[in-house]
Amino acid sequence: MNVPFADLHAQYLTIKDGIDAAIANVIKTSAFIRGSYVQEFEQDFAAAMKIKHCVSCANGTDSLYIAMHGLGVKPGDEVIVPAHSWISTSETITQAGGTVVFCDTDAKTYTLDPVQLEAKMTPRTVGIIPVHLYGQPADMGAIMAVARKHKLWVIEDCAQAHLAQWEGQQVGTFGNAASFSFYPGKNLGAMGDAGAVCTNDDGLAARMGRFARHGGLTKGDHQIEGINSRLDGLQAAILSVKLPHLVGWTQRRQELATNYGFLLRGINGLGLPVTAPGREHVFHLYVIQHEMRDALARHLNGLGVQTVISYPTALPFLPAYARFGHQSGDFPNAHRNQSRILSIPIFPEMTEAQQQAVADAIRSFSE
């Protein structure tokens, strides 16, 4: 049986009438840039995330850059990020004029290790960007305690963690701002690129919205020089159709993750995801570990099971950051995990037969 890593067409078929009608309405009204569909989605998404303001933008990467600009990042400022993440988390710091400082991750959750945070700080440190990686919240209690102690701002990178919770509180509501991606494969995905940055700070929301829209909240009124990063009407309308399904899709991901735990238990050499106490994981990805990761991936792909490595090289070891001269011993957990991690299929429309096929393929490798 061929099992895709994700099946966006299968998801579309479950809500086809709503999606088709939304697209047709946007075309009928020519509401392609800003307008009522964007405003409606911003309001509804903010409510769903339990946060006051949602500033939509072109993509999740832009949302991080917009947030840092709104918080006043300037040349010489240092921002701490986890060593294990997608490059958007770090490259936007450089784009905003700051300096990236990497911190190692917890060995089991892949999220920023708060124990190591203070050792990474200098008088130039201004902020922290914890990443709720793969759908598991970072340790926001410890991270926020450090941030408050040192008077640092916090931007939560929630690109993979819509509706995840730490100690019963939704991610995105702890820091000064929260970045979200609606890349098509995300738990809440558009049919193109899209993003948003959320905040409870009225002033910050206004600064971010102004910057994302050519420096003015109304057309033609340019208070500052800004950028052009706008969510288009088609994507907003599509996201509004999908948003009411997010809770159900999240529950299905969690059910599949639980079932994987039963199906894959006891396989020699296989490491399964660990959900830390007090955290609600939403399983954007289901990431296993194996010391023979590459051979396992080839085996699964040969049996028709698609896999992805997220991410094959930890950020400090990418050519983009060779200027820092980091060594493997600087970030031992991130370095070790990069050669062992493998993401296997998980998506809300996944059938029991597909999941069983994945499990059987993994077990056959071990046997």
Foldseek 3Di string as FASTA:
>chain_A
DADEQEDLVVVCVVLVVQLVVLLVVCVVVVQWFDPDLQVVLQVVLCVQLVFDGKQKWQFLLVQLLLLCVLVPQAALAEEEEELAAPCSVPVSCVVNRYHYFYAAPDLFQRKGDLVCVVVRDDPRYAAYEIECPQQWDDQLVSVLVVCVVVVHFYEYECQQHRQKDFLPRGPQARTQKYKYWQPPLHLQHFPHTIIIMGGNDPSSSVSSNCQCPQQDPDPPDHPDGHHPIGDTSSRSSSSVSCVVCSVVFQVLLVVLLVVCCVLQPPQPQKAWHDHDPRIGGSRSWTKMWGLPQVVLQVQCVVVNWHKDQSALGGNCPDPVNCVVVDDCVNHVSRSVRSNTIMTTHTGNVDDPVSSNSSSVSNSVVSD
